[in-house]
């Protein structure tokens, strides 16, 4: 008998910007299950970013996420 494959919990995309990355970011900002409070914090920050950068906030967010990611993947090698 084969093992049962677990169901993956895929987050729903963000309702305002329809972005999976932003939904995951909101989930990391969230404390004690208060998602609406976390959304209010993130959306408020996005409004401030749009005012300063004069670009859509979602583009600034995606650019920041791409700048944060490593360019090369480093794999550990065991020697000995």
PDB file of N, CA and C in Angstrom:
ATOM      1  N   UNK A   1       0.836  -1.172   0.000  1.00  0.00           N
ATOM      2  CA  UNK A   1       0.000   0.000   0.000  1.00  0.00           C
ATOM      3  C   UNK A   1       0.887   1.244   0.000  1.00  0.00           C
ATOM      4  N   UNK A   2       0.575   2.187  -0.850  1.00  0.00           N
ATOM      5  CA  UNK A   2       1.387   3.394  -0.961  1.00  0.00           C
ATOM      6  C   UNK A   2       0.971   4.416   0.086  1.00  0.00           C
ATOM      7  N   UNK A   3       1.944   5.301   0.384  1.00  0.00           N
ATOM      8  CA  UNK A   3       1.646   6.369   1.327  1.00  0.00           C
ATOM      9  C   UNK A   3       0.699   7.377   0.697  1.00  0.00           C
ATOM     10  N   UNK A   4      -0.097   7.988   1.524  1.00  0.00           N
ATOM     11  CA  UNK A   4      -1.020   9.009   1.054  1.00  0.00           C
ATOM     12  C   UNK A   4      -0.254  10.317   0.849  1.00  0.00           C
ATOM     13  N   UNK A   5      -0.465  10.981  -0.274  1.00  0.00           N
ATOM     14  CA  UNK A   5       0.208  12.234  -0.567  1.00  0.00           C
ATOM     15  C   UNK A   5      -0.516  13.361   0.176  1.00  0.00           C
ATOM     16  N   UNK A   6       0.233  14.169   0.951  1.00  0.00           N
ATOM     17  CA  UNK A   6      -0.439  15.237   1.696  1.00  0.00           C
ATOM     18  C   UNK A   6      -0.924  16.339   0.763  1.00  0.00           C
ATOM     19  N   UNK A   7      -2.035  16.948   1.148  1.00  0.00           N
ATOM     20  CA  UNK A   7      -2.553  18.070   0.380  1.00  0.00           C
ATOM     21  C   UNK A   7      -1.704  19.300   0.656  1.00  0.00           C
ATOM     22  N   UNK A   8      -1.316  19.993  -0.395  1.00  0.00           N
ATOM     23  CA  UNK A   8      -0.520  21.206  -0.236  1.00  0.00           C
ATOM     24  C   UNK A   8      -1.447  22.377   0.057  1.00  0.00           C
ATOM     25  N   UNK A   9      -1.091  23.149   1.065  1.00  0.00           N
ATOM     26  CA  UNK A   9      -1.881  24.317   1.422  1.00  0.00           C
ATOM     27  C   UNK A   9      -1.355  25.503   0.627  1.00  0.00           C
ATOM     28  N   UNK A  10      -1.958  25.775  -0.513  1.00  0.00           N
ATOM     29  CA  UNK A  10      -1.538  26.860  -1.372  1.00  0.00           C
ATOM     30  C   UNK A  10      -2.310  28.114  -0.953  1.00  0.00           C
ATOM     31  N   UNK A  11      -1.597  29.190  -0.596  1.00  0.00           N
ATOM     32  CA  UNK A  11      -2.322  30.395  -0.170  1.00  0.00           C
ATOM     33  C   UNK A  11      -3.071  31.016  -1.343  1.00  0.00           C
ATOM     34  N   UNK A  12      -4.193  31.623  -1.035  1.00  0.00           N
ATOM     35  CA  UNK A  12      -4.949  32.309  -2.077  1.00  0.00           C
ATOM     36  C   UNK A  12      -4.234  33.614  -2.400  1.00  0.00           C
ATOM     37  N   UNK A  13      -4.308  34.081  -3.628  1.00  0.00           N
ATOM     38  CA  UNK A  13      -3.610  35.324  -3.959  1.00  0.00           C
ATOM     39  C   UNK A  13      -4.224  36.513  -3.228  1.00  0.00           C
ATOM     40  N   UNK A  14      -3.444  37.547  -3.115  1.00  0.00           N
ATOM     41  CA  UNK A  14      -3.870  38.763  -2.448  1.00  0.00           C
ATOM     42  C   UNK A  14      -5.077  39.363  -3.165  1.00  0.00           C
ATOM     43  N   UNK A  15      -6.128  39.790  -2.435  1.00  0.00           N
ATOM     44  CA  UNK A  15      -7.337  40.274  -3.121  1.00  0.00           C
ATOM     45  C   UNK A  15      -7.149  41.595  -3.864  1.00  0.00           C
ATOM     46  N   UNK A  16      -6.273  42.460  -3.389  1.00  0.00           N
ATOM     47  CA  UNK A  16      -6.120  43.780  -4.006  1.00  0.00           C
ATOM     48  C   UNK A  16      -5.195  43.741  -5.228  1.00  0.00           C
ATOM     49  N   UNK A  17      -4.038  43.067  -5.098  1.00  0.00           N
ATOM     50  CA  UNK A  17      -3.045  43.040  -6.167  1.00  0.00           C
ATOM     51  C   UNK A  17      -2.986  41.703  -6.905  1.00  0.00           C
ATOM     52  N   UNK A  18      -3.691  40.702  -6.417  1.00  0.00           N
ATOM     53  CA  UNK A  18      -3.751  39.363  -7.022  1.00  0.00           C
ATOM     54  C   UNK A  18      -2.354  38.752  -7.162  1.00  0.00           C
ATOM     55  N   UNK A  19      -1.583  38.783  -6.088  1.00  0.00           N
ATOM     56  CA  UNK A  19      -0.211  38.304  -6.097  1.00  0.00           C
ATOM     57  C   UNK A  19      -0.024  37.251  -5.007  1.00  0.00           C
ATOM     58  N   UNK A  20       0.593  36.115  -5.378  1.00  0.00           N
ATOM     59  CA  UNK A  20       0.862  35.059  -4.410  1.00  0.00           C
ATOM     60  C   UNK A  20       2.009  35.459  -3.478  1.00  0.00           C
ATOM     61  N   UNK A  21       3.023  36.144  -4.020  1.00  0.00           N
ATOM     62  CA  UNK A  21       4.161  36.561  -3.196  1.00  0.00           C
ATOM     63  C   UNK A  21       3.719  37.540  -2.123  1.00  0.00           C
ATOM     64  N   UNK A  22       2.844  38.455  -2.489  1.00  0.00           N
ATOM     65  CA  UNK A  22       2.355  39.432  -1.521  1.00  0.00           C
ATOM     66  C   UNK A  22       1.503  38.755  -0.451  1.00  0.00           C
ATOM     67  N   UNK A  23       0.717  37.758  -0.844  1.00  0.00           N
ATOM     68  CA  UNK A  23      -0.090  37.014   0.133  1.00  0.00           C
ATOM     69  C   UNK A  23       0.811  36.300   1.136  1.00  0.00           C
ATOM     70  N   UNK A  24       1.903  35.725   0.649  1.00  0.00           N
ATOM     71  CA  UNK A  24       2.846  35.050   1.544  1.00  0.00           C
ATOM     72  C   UNK A  24       3.526  36.061   2.466  1.00  0.00           C
ATOM     73  N   UNK A  25       3.854  37.235   1.927  1.00  0.00           N
ATOM     74  CA  UNK A  25       4.463  38.285   2.747  1.00  0.00           C
ATOM     75  C   UNK A  25       3.500  38.762   3.838  1.00  0.00           C
ATOM     76  N   UNK A  26       2.238  38.925   3.491  1.00  0.00           N
ATOM     77  CA  UNK A  26       1.233  39.333   4.485  1.00  0.00           C
ATOM     78  C   UNK A  26       1.111  38.263   5.572  1.00  0.00           C
ATOM     79  N   UNK A  27       1.197  36.992   5.178  1.00  0.00           N
ATOM     80  CA  UNK A  27       1.122  35.916   6.172  1.00  0.00           C
ATOM     81  C   UNK A  27       2.320  35.946   7.118  1.00  0.00           C
ATOM     82  N   UNK A  28       3.489  36.384   6.645  1.00  0.00           N
ATOM     83  CA  UNK A  28       4.644  36.469   7.541  1.00  0.00           C
ATOM     84  C   UNK A  28       4.560  37.692   8.449  1.00  0.00           C
ATOM     85  N   UNK A  29       3.887  38.743   7.994  1.00  0.00           N
ATOM     86  CA  UNK A  29       3.698  39.931   8.833  1.00  0.00           C
ATOM     87  C   UNK A  29       2.667  39.659   9.922  1.00  0.00           C
ATOM     88  N   UNK A  30       1.725  38.770   9.638  1.00  0.00           N
ATOM     89  CA  UNK A  30       0.591  38.507  10.532  1.00  0.00           C
ATOM     90  C   UNK A  30       1.037  37.904  11.864  1.00  0.00           C
ATOM     91  N   UNK A  31       0.454  38.409  12.941  1.00  0.00           N
ATOM     92  CA  UNK A  31       0.651  37.857  14.284  1.00  0.00           C
ATOM     93  C   UNK A  31      -0.695  37.453  14.852  1.00  0.00           C
ATOM     94  N   UNK A  32      -0.727  36.308  15.516  1.00  0.00           N
ATOM     95  CA  UNK A  32      -1.917  35.817  16.225  1.00  0.00           C
ATOM     96  C   UNK A  32      -3.146  35.716  15.332  1.00  0.00           C
ATOM     97  N   UNK A  33      -2.964  35.461  14.044  1.00  0.00           N
ATOM     98  CA  UNK A  33      -4.080  35.255  13.145  1.00  0.00           C
ATOM     99  C   UNK A  33      -4.817  36.515  12.731  1.00  0.00           C
ATOM    100  N   UNK A  34      -4.233  37.674  12.936  1.00  0.00           N
ATOM    101  CA  UNK A  34      -4.906  38.942  12.597  1.00  0.00           C
ATOM    102  C   UNK A  34      -4.500  39.374  11.198  1.00  0.00           C
ATOM    103  N   UNK A  35      -5.114  38.741  10.209  1.00  0.00           N
ATOM    104  CA  UNK A  35      -4.739  38.979   8.818  1.00  0.00           C
ATOM    105  C   UNK A  35      -5.173  40.358   8.343  1.00  0.00           C
ATOM    106  N   UNK A  36      -6.339  40.830   8.762  1.00  0.00           N
ATOM    107  CA  UNK A  36      -6.802  42.148   8.328  1.00  0.00           C
ATOM    108  C   UNK A  36      -5.886  43.249   8.845  1.00  0.00           C
ATOM    109  N   UNK A  37      -5.379  43.100  10.057  1.00  0.00           N
ATOM    110  CA  UNK A  37      -4.434  44.075  10.592  1.00  0.00           C
ATOM    111  C   UNK A  37      -3.140  44.050   9.786  1.00  0.00           C
ATOM    112  N   UNK A  38      -2.668  42.847   9.447  1.00  0.00           N
ATOM    113  CA  UNK A  38      -1.447  42.721   8.650  1.00  0.00           C
ATOM    114  C   UNK A  38      -1.652  43.330   7.261  1.00  0.00           C
ATOM    115  N   UNK A  39      -2.824  43.103   6.656  1.00  0.00           N
ATOM    116  CA  UNK A  39      -3.109  43.703   5.352  1.00  0.00           C
ATOM    117  C   UNK A  39      -3.119  45.220   5.444  1.00  0.00           C
ATOM    118  N   UNK A  40      -3.704  45.758   6.511  1.00  0.00           N
ATOM    119  CA  UNK A  40      -3.748  47.209   6.684  1.00  0.00           C
ATOM    120  C   UNK A  40      -2.338  47.780   6.797  1.00  0.00           C
ATOM    121  N   UNK A  41      -1.455  47.089   7.503  1.00  0.00           N
ATOM    122  CA  UNK A  41      -0.071  47.537   7.650  1.00  0.00           C
ATOM    123  C   UNK A  41       0.635  47.530   6.294  1.00  0.00           C
ATOM    124  N   UNK A  42       0.502  46.425   5.563  1.00  0.00           N
ATOM    125  CA  UNK A  42       1.190  46.293   4.276  1.00  0.00           C
ATOM    126  C   UNK A  42       0.630  47.273   3.256  1.00  0.00           C
ATOM    127  N   UNK A  43      -0.685  47.413   3.186  1.00  0.00           N
ATOM    128  CA  UNK A  43      -1.281  48.333   2.218  1.00  0.00           C
ATOM    129  C   UNK A  43      -0.933  49.788   2.549  1.00  0.00           C
ATOM    130  N   UNK A  44      -0.854  50.118   3.836  1.00  0.00           N
ATOM    131  CA  UNK A  44      -0.428  51.462   4.238  1.00  0.00           C
ATOM    132  C   UNK A  44       1.002  51.740   3.803  1.00  0.00           C
ATOM    133  N   UNK A  45       1.866  50.726   3.974  1.00  0.00           N
ATOM    134  CA  UNK A  45       3.251  50.872   3.533  1.00  0.00           C
ATOM    135  C   UNK A  45       3.315  51.010   2.018  1.00  0.00           C
ATOM    136  N   UNK A  46       2.460  50.279   1.300  1.00  0.00           N
ATOM    137  CA  UNK A  46       2.440  50.369  -0.162  1.00  0.00           C
ATOM    138  C   UNK A  46       2.009  51.762  -0.622  1.00  0.00           C
ATOM    139  N   UNK A  47       1.058  52.366   0.074  1.00  0.00           N
ATOM    140  CA  UNK A  47       0.632  53.726  -0.282  1.00  0.00           C
ATOM    141  C   UNK A  47       1.774  54.719  -0.109  1.00  0.00           C
ATOM    142  N   UNK A  48       2.549  54.556   0.972  1.00  0.00           N
ATOM    143  CA  UNK A  48       3.693  55.439   1.191  1.00  0.00           C
ATOM    144  C   UNK A  48       4.760  55.224   0.127  1.00  0.00           C
ATOM    145  N   UNK A  49       4.975  53.975  -0.275  1.00  0.00           N
ATOM    146  CA  UNK A  49       5.964  53.674  -1.313  1.00  0.00           C
ATOM    147  C   UNK A  49       5.537  54.283  -2.637  1.00  0.00           C
ATOM    148  N   UNK A  50       4.253  54.179  -2.981  1.00  0.00           N
ATOM    149  CA  UNK A  50       3.768  54.769  -4.234  1.00  0.00           C
ATOM    150  C   UNK A  50       3.946  56.280  -4.235  1.00  0.00           C
ATOM    151  N   UNK A  51       3.756  56.914  -3.089  1.00  0.00           N
ATOM    152  CA  UNK A  51       3.919  58.364  -3.012  1.00  0.00           C
ATOM    153  C   UNK A  51       5.375  58.774  -3.202  1.00  0.00           C
ATOM    154  N   UNK A  52       6.301  58.004  -2.637  1.00  0.00           N
ATOM    155  CA  UNK A  52       7.712  58.363  -2.729  1.00  0.00           C
ATOM    156  C   UNK A  52       8.348  57.926  -4.042  1.00  0.00           C
ATOM    157  N   UNK A  53       8.068  56.701  -4.479  1.00  0.00           N
ATOM    158  CA  UNK A  53       8.757  56.148  -5.654  1.00  0.00           C
ATOM    159  C   UNK A  53       8.112  56.568  -6.962  1.00  0.00           C
ATOM    160  N   UNK A  54       6.882  57.022  -6.901  1.00  0.00           N
ATOM    161  CA  UNK A  54       6.129  57.410  -8.098  1.00  0.00           C
ATOM    162  C   UNK A  54       6.051  56.266  -9.113  1.00  0.00           C
ATOM    163  N   UNK A  55       6.038  55.038  -8.606  1.00  0.00           N
ATOM    164  CA  UNK A  55       5.831  53.826  -9.405  1.00  0.00           C
ATOM    165  C   UNK A  55       4.789  52.990  -8.678  1.00  0.00           C
ATOM    166  N   UNK A  56       4.162  52.047  -9.375  1.00  0.00           N
ATOM    167  CA  UNK A  56       3.242  51.152  -8.654  1.00  0.00           C
ATOM    168  C   UNK A  56       3.979  50.376  -7.560  1.00  0.00           C
ATOM    169  N   UNK A  57       3.354  50.279  -6.410  1.00  0.00           N
ATOM    170  CA  UNK A  57       4.000  49.662  -5.258  1.00  0.00           C
ATOM    171  C   UNK A  57       4.288  48.188  -5.485  1.00  0.00           C
ATOM    172  N   UNK A  58       3.453  47.510  -6.246  1.00  0.00           N
ATOM    173  CA  UNK A  58       3.684  46.081  -6.477  1.00  0.00           C
ATOM    174  C   UNK A  58       4.954  45.866  -7.286  1.00  0.00           C
ATOM    175  N   UNK A  59       5.270  46.795  -8.208  1.00  0.00           N
ATOM    176  CA  UNK A  59       6.525  46.698  -8.969  1.00  0.00           C
ATOM    177  C   UNK A  59       7.726  46.897  -8.055  1.00  0.00           C
ATOM    178  N   UNK A  60       7.632  47.851  -7.140  1.00  0.00           N
ATOM    179  CA  UNK A  60       8.722  48.090  -6.189  1.00  0.00           C
ATOM    180  C   UNK A  60       8.903  46.866  -5.295  1.00  0.00           C
ATOM    181  N   UNK A  61       7.792  46.262  -4.881  1.00  0.00           N
ATOM    182  CA  UNK A  61       7.849  45.064  -4.035  1.00  0.00           C
ATOM    183  C   UNK A  61       8.514  43.908  -4.779  1.00  0.00           C
ATOM    184  N   UNK A  62       8.113  43.678  -6.039  1.00  0.00           N
ATOM    185  CA  UNK A  62       8.712  42.589  -6.824  1.00  0.00           C
ATOM    186  C   UNK A  62      10.200  42.834  -7.048  1.00  0.00           C
ATOM    187  N   UNK A  63      10.570  44.084  -7.308  1.00  0.00           N
ATOM    188  CA  UNK A  63      11.980  44.416  -7.515  1.00  0.00           C
ATOM    189  C   UNK A  63      12.785  44.179  -6.252  1.00  0.00           C
ATOM    190  N   UNK A  64      12.217  44.549  -5.104  1.00  0.00           N
ATOM    191  CA  UNK A  64      12.892  44.321  -3.821  1.00  0.00           C
ATOM    192  C   UNK A  64      13.051  42.832  -3.542  1.00  0.00           C
ATOM    193  N   UNK A  65      12.042  42.041  -3.864  1.00  0.00           N
ATOM    194  CA  UNK A  65      12.137  40.598  -3.652  1.00  0.00           C
ATOM    195  C   UNK A  65      13.207  39.985  -4.564  1.00  0.00           C
ATOM    196  N   UNK A  66      13.292  40.460  -5.818  1.00  0.00           N
ATOM    197  CA  UNK A  66      14.312  39.946  -6.729  1.00  0.00           C
ATOM    198  C   UNK A  66      15.714  40.361  -6.306  1.00  0.00           C
ATOM    199  N   UNK A  67      15.864  41.571  -5.756  1.00  0.00           N
ATOM    200  CA  UNK A  67      17.170  42.008  -5.265  1.00  0.00           C
ATOM    201  C   UNK A  67      17.603  41.215  -4.042  1.00  0.00           C
ATOM    202  N   UNK A  68      16.638  40.731  -3.280  1.00  0.00           N
ATOM    203  CA  UNK A  68      16.928  40.014  -2.054  1.00  0.00           C
ATOM    204  C   UNK A  68      17.344  38.561  -2.317  1.00  0.00           C
ATOM    205  N   UNK A  69      16.852  37.986  -3.408  1.00  0.00           N
ATOM    206  CA  UNK A  69      17.134  36.585  -3.694  1.00  0.00           C
ATOM    207  C   UNK A  69      18.589  36.385  -4.111  1.00  0.00           C
ATOM    208  N   UNK A  70      19.190  35.265  -3.760  1.00  0.00           N
ATOM    209  CA  UNK A  70      20.564  35.006  -4.190  1.00  0.00           C
ATOM    210  C   UNK A  70      20.625  34.723  -5.691  1.00  0.00           C
ATOM    211  N   UNK A  71      21.744  35.097  -6.299  1.00  0.00           N
ATOM    212  CA  UNK A  71      21.922  34.887  -7.731  1.00  0.00           C
ATOM    213  C   UNK A  71      22.321  33.440  -8.001  1.00  0.00           C
ATOM    214  N   UNK A  72      23.214  32.902  -7.167  1.00  0.00           N
ATOM    215  CA  UNK A  72      23.680  31.535  -7.327  1.00  0.00           C
ATOM    216  C   UNK A  72      23.189  30.678  -6.176  1.00  0.00           C
ATOM    217  N   UNK A  73      22.939  29.429  -6.487  1.00  0.00           N
ATOM    218  CA  UNK A  73      22.560  28.481  -5.442  1.00  0.00           C
ATOM    219  C   UNK A  73      23.814  27.788  -4.956  1.00  0.00           C
ATOM    220  N   UNK A  74      24.066  27.815  -3.668  1.00  0.00           N
ATOM    221  CA  UNK A  74      25.252  27.213  -3.074  1.00  0.00           C
ATOM    222  C   UNK A  74      24.843  25.893  -2.443  1.00  0.00           C
ATOM    223  N   UNK A  75      25.533  24.830  -2.842  1.00  0.00           N
ATOM    224  CA  UNK A  75      25.237  23.508  -2.276  1.00  0.00           C
ATOM    225  C   UNK A  75      26.420  23.055  -1.426  1.00  0.00           C
ATOM    226  N   UNK A  76      26.128  22.500  -0.269  1.00  0.00           N
ATOM    227  CA  UNK A  76      27.166  22.012   0.624  1.00  0.00           C
ATOM    228  C   UNK A  76      27.718  20.697   0.101  1.00  0.00           C
ATOM    229  N   UNK A  77      29.032  20.551   0.185  1.00  0.00           N
ATOM    230  CA  UNK A  77      29.673  19.295  -0.215  1.00  0.00           C
ATOM    231  C   UNK A  77      30.378  18.704   0.998  1.00  0.00           C
ATOM    232  N   UNK A  78      30.169  17.425   1.184  1.00  0.00           N
ATOM    233  CA  UNK A  78      30.842  16.757   2.281  1.00  0.00           C
ATOM    234  C   UNK A  78      32.157  16.178   1.775  1.00  0.00           C
ATOM    235  N   UNK A  79      33.218  16.502   2.475  1.00  0.00           N
ATOM    236  CA  UNK A  79      34.541  15.999   2.099  1.00  0.00           C
ATOM    237  C   UNK A  79      35.105  15.225   3.277  1.00  0.00           C
ATOM    238  N   UNK A  80      35.620  14.032   2.970  1.00  0.00           N
ATOM    239  CA  UNK A  80      36.278  13.312   4.037  1.00  0.00           C
ATOM    240  C   UNK A  80      35.756  11.977   4.318  1.00  0.00           C
TER     241      UNK A  80
END
